[in-house]
Amino acid sequence: MKIIVFTTLFLCIIPFVNGQEFANHNKLFSTPGFNKMKLKYETCVLKKGIQFAKVSTPTEAIKFAPIACKREVLEIKQFFLNSAFKKTVITALIDSIKEGVEIDLVIAVYKERLKYIK
């Protein structure tokens, strides 16, 4: 009987706790500071990518543009280090942000290269 009561209580509390944790983490991503840092990184990568695409191959532009904006990535990483995330989670979040920006970078670089083909 104790096991059934304990299991029922446990199953009722877990969704509430997980919902609260998700809400707190979601608030972190919607802060103006985080959005500003992310936008600054995206702008930097796209700007550098277009500049590199003018003088090199698209592959090199895509490869080296994120490296040129390492300072912005480090600012975002420092922002997450000040939060309650584990280092493995922070690394995954940074990788996710980088991948999203790289998708936009590929589109921007090839659009820039198409201007010169026409």
C-alpha atoms as a PDB file:
ATOM      1  CA  MET A   1       0.000   0.000   0.000  1.00  0.00           C
ATOM      2  CA  LYS A   2       2.834   2.402   0.851  1.00  0.00           C
ATOM      3  CA  ILE A   3       4.400   1.777  -2.542  1.00  0.00           C
ATOM      4  CA  ILE A   4       1.181   2.683  -4.369  1.00  0.00           C
ATOM      5  CA  VAL A   5       0.732   5.892  -2.353  1.00  0.00           C
ATOM      6  CA  PHE A   6       4.380   6.834  -2.816  1.00  0.00           C
ATOM      7  CA  THR A   7       4.268   6.119  -6.566  1.00  0.00           C
ATOM      8  CA  THR A   8       1.070   8.116  -7.009  1.00  0.00           C
ATOM      9  CA  LEU A   9       2.478  11.048  -5.062  1.00  0.00           C
ATOM     10  CA  PHE A  10       5.723  10.863  -7.019  1.00  0.00           C
ATOM     11  CA  LEU A  11       3.908  10.829 -10.366  1.00  0.00           C
ATOM     12  CA  CYS A  12       1.816  13.847  -9.353  1.00  0.00           C
ATOM     13  CA  ILE A  13       4.790  15.947  -8.208  1.00  0.00           C
ATOM     14  CA  ILE A  14       7.232  15.237 -11.080  1.00  0.00           C
ATOM     15  CA  PRO A  15       5.270  17.013 -13.866  1.00  0.00           C
ATOM     16  CA  PHE A  16       4.932  20.107 -11.677  1.00  0.00           C
ATOM     17  CA  VAL A  17       8.665  20.208 -10.893  1.00  0.00           C
ATOM     18  CA  ASN A  18       9.672  19.601 -14.520  1.00  0.00           C
ATOM     19  CA  GLY A  19       7.229  22.259 -15.681  1.00  0.00           C
ATOM     20  CA  GLN A  20       8.701  24.784 -13.266  1.00  0.00           C
ATOM     21  CA  GLU A  21      12.273  23.973 -14.340  1.00  0.00           C
ATOM     22  CA  PHE A  22      11.308  24.344 -17.992  1.00  0.00           C
ATOM     23  CA  ALA A  23       9.631  27.665 -17.300  1.00  0.00           C
ATOM     24  CA  ASN A  24      12.725  28.969 -15.494  1.00  0.00           C
ATOM     25  CA  HIS A  25      15.059  27.890 -18.310  1.00  0.00           C
ATOM     26  CA  ASN A  26      12.699  29.350 -20.895  1.00  0.00           C
ATOM     27  CA  LYS A  27      12.824  32.700 -19.080  1.00  0.00           C
ATOM     28  CA  LEU A  28      16.623  32.659 -19.369  1.00  0.00           C
ATOM     29  CA  PHE A  29      16.448  32.355 -23.159  1.00  0.00           C
ATOM     30  CA  SER A  30      13.922  35.158 -23.524  1.00  0.00           C
ATOM     31  CA  THR A  31      15.919  37.764 -21.620  1.00  0.00           C
ATOM     32  CA  PRO A  32      16.956  40.878 -23.529  1.00  0.00           C
ATOM     33  CA  GLY A  33      20.606  40.296 -22.619  1.00  0.00           C
ATOM     34  CA  PHE A  34      20.685  36.826 -24.167  1.00  0.00           C
ATOM     35  CA  ASN A  35      18.792  37.941 -27.263  1.00  0.00           C
ATOM     36  CA  LYS A  36      21.180  40.865 -27.712  1.00  0.00           C
ATOM     37  CA  MET A  37      24.250  38.606 -27.439  1.00  0.00           C
ATOM     38  CA  LYS A  38      22.800  36.050 -29.827  1.00  0.00           C
ATOM     39  CA  LEU A  39      21.864  38.742 -32.370  1.00  0.00           C
ATOM     40  CA  LYS A  40      25.359  40.245 -32.073  1.00  0.00           C
ATOM     41  CA  TYR A  41      26.894  36.822 -32.804  1.00  0.00           C
ATOM     42  CA  GLU A  42      24.572  36.173 -35.758  1.00  0.00           C
ATOM     43  CA  THR A  43      25.292  39.617 -37.217  1.00  0.00           C
ATOM     44  CA  CYS A  44      29.037  39.172 -36.827  1.00  0.00           C
ATOM     45  CA  VAL A  45      29.087  35.725 -38.465  1.00  0.00           C
ATOM     46  CA  LEU A  46      26.931  36.797 -41.391  1.00  0.00           C
ATOM     47  CA  LYS A  47      28.951  39.982 -41.932  1.00  0.00           C
ATOM     48  CA  LYS A  48      32.282  38.129 -41.830  1.00  0.00           C
ATOM     49  CA  GLY A  49      30.917  35.346 -44.014  1.00  0.00           C
ATOM     50  CA  ILE A  50      29.854  37.780 -46.720  1.00  0.00           C
ATOM     51  CA  GLN A  51      33.206  39.561 -46.517  1.00  0.00           C
ATOM     52  CA  PHE A  52      35.102  36.267 -46.822  1.00  0.00           C
ATOM     53  CA  ALA A  53      32.866  35.106 -49.679  1.00  0.00           C
ATOM     54  CA  LYS A  54      33.964  38.110 -51.739  1.00  0.00           C
ATOM     55  CA  VAL A  55      37.640  37.122 -51.610  1.00  0.00           C
ATOM     56  CA  SER A  56      37.652  33.355 -51.098  1.00  0.00           C
ATOM     57  CA  THR A  57      35.653  30.217 -51.802  1.00  0.00           C
ATOM     58  CA  PRO A  58      32.272  29.656 -50.161  1.00  0.00           C
ATOM     59  CA  THR A  59      33.681  26.674 -48.257  1.00  0.00           C
ATOM     60  CA  GLU A  60      36.419  28.781 -46.699  1.00  0.00           C
ATOM     61  CA  ALA A  61      33.982  31.564 -45.870  1.00  0.00           C
ATOM     62  CA  ILE A  62      31.666  29.114 -44.109  1.00  0.00           C
ATOM     63  CA  LYS A  63      34.574  27.549 -42.255  1.00  0.00           C
ATOM     64  CA  PHE A  64      36.326  30.710 -41.054  1.00  0.00           C
ATOM     65  CA  ALA A  65      33.503  33.195 -40.422  1.00  0.00           C
ATOM     66  CA  PRO A  66      32.426  31.601 -37.106  1.00  0.00           C
ATOM     67  CA  ILE A  67      36.054  31.545 -35.975  1.00  0.00           C
ATOM     68  CA  ALA A  68      36.311  35.287 -36.599  1.00  0.00           C
ATOM     69  CA  CYS A  69      33.450  35.836 -34.147  1.00  0.00           C
ATOM     70  CA  LYS A  70      34.861  33.773 -31.287  1.00  0.00           C
ATOM     71  CA  ARG A  71      34.586  36.690 -28.837  1.00  0.00           C
ATOM     72  CA  GLU A  72      30.797  36.795 -29.208  1.00  0.00           C
ATOM     73  CA  VAL A  73      30.534  33.045 -28.582  1.00  0.00           C
ATOM     74  CA  LEU A  74      32.609  33.427 -25.445  1.00  0.00           C
ATOM     75  CA  GLU A  75      30.244  36.148 -24.194  1.00  0.00           C
ATOM     76  CA  ILE A  76      27.291  33.788 -24.635  1.00  0.00           C
ATOM     77  CA  LYS A  77      29.204  30.996 -22.918  1.00  0.00           C
ATOM     78  CA  GLN A  78      30.008  33.279 -19.981  1.00  0.00           C
ATOM     79  CA  PHE A  79      26.328  34.192 -19.755  1.00  0.00           C
ATOM     80  CA  PHE A  80      25.450  30.507 -19.418  1.00  0.00           C
ATOM     81  CA  LEU A  81      28.272  29.819 -16.958  1.00  0.00           C
ATOM     82  CA  ASN A  82      26.689  32.369 -14.615  1.00  0.00           C
ATOM     83  CA  SER A  83      23.452  30.349 -14.687  1.00  0.00           C
ATOM     84  CA  ALA A  84      22.666  27.000 -13.096  1.00  0.00           C
ATOM     85  CA  PHE A  85      23.428  24.877 -16.183  1.00  0.00           C
ATOM     86  CA  LYS A  86      25.969  22.064 -16.158  1.00  0.00           C
ATOM     87  CA  LYS A  87      28.998  22.431 -18.410  1.00  0.00           C
ATOM     88  CA  THR A  88      27.846  19.636 -20.713  1.00  0.00           C
ATOM     89  CA  VAL A  89      24.486  21.366 -21.168  1.00  0.00           C
ATOM     90  CA  ILE A  90      26.212  24.687 -21.826  1.00  0.00           C
ATOM     91  CA  THR A  91      28.390  23.086 -24.490  1.00  0.00           C
ATOM     92  CA  ALA A  92      25.315  21.592 -26.144  1.00  0.00           C
ATOM     93  CA  LEU A  93      23.509  24.957 -26.056  1.00  0.00           C
ATOM     94  CA  ILE A  94      26.480  26.755 -27.599  1.00  0.00           C
ATOM     95  CA  ASP A  95      26.744  24.085 -30.312  1.00  0.00           C
ATOM     96  CA  SER A  96      23.045  24.493 -31.025  1.00  0.00           C
ATOM     97  CA  ILE A  97      23.391  28.258 -31.387  1.00  0.00           C
ATOM     98  CA  LYS A  98      26.420  27.822 -33.663  1.00  0.00           C
ATOM     99  CA  GLU A  99      24.590  25.329 -35.884  1.00  0.00           C
ATOM    100  CA  GLY A 100      21.614  27.643 -36.264  1.00  0.00           C
ATOM    101  CA  VAL A 101      23.836  30.536 -37.250  1.00  0.00           C
ATOM    102  CA  GLU A 102      25.839  28.361 -39.649  1.00  0.00           C
ATOM    103  CA  ILE A 103      22.656  27.475 -41.531  1.00  0.00           C
ATOM    104  CA  ASP A 104      21.947  31.169 -42.031  1.00  0.00           C
ATOM    105  CA  LEU A 105      25.596  31.675 -42.952  1.00  0.00           C
ATOM    106  CA  VAL A 106      25.470  29.097 -45.739  1.00  0.00           C
ATOM    107  CA  ILE A 107      22.432  30.804 -47.233  1.00  0.00           C
ATOM    108  CA  ALA A 108      24.024  34.263 -46.993  1.00  0.00           C
ATOM    109  CA  VAL A 109      27.345  33.132 -48.485  1.00  0.00           C
ATOM    110  CA  TYR A 110      25.775  31.426 -51.470  1.00  0.00           C
ATOM    111  CA  LYS A 111      23.468  34.373 -52.103  1.00  0.00           C
ATOM    112  CA  GLU A 112      26.527  36.622 -52.105  1.00  0.00           C
ATOM    113  CA  ARG A 113      28.358  34.336 -54.518  1.00  0.00           C
ATOM    114  CA  LEU A 114      25.348  34.242 -56.830  1.00  0.00           C
ATOM    115  CA  LYS A 115      25.549  38.021 -57.186  1.00  0.00           C
ATOM    116  CA  TYR A 116      28.912  37.644 -58.904  1.00  0.00           C
ATOM    117  CA  ILE A 117      27.791  34.859 -61.215  1.00  0.00           C
ATOM    118  CA  LYS A 118      25.002  36.900 -62.797  1.00  0.00           C
END
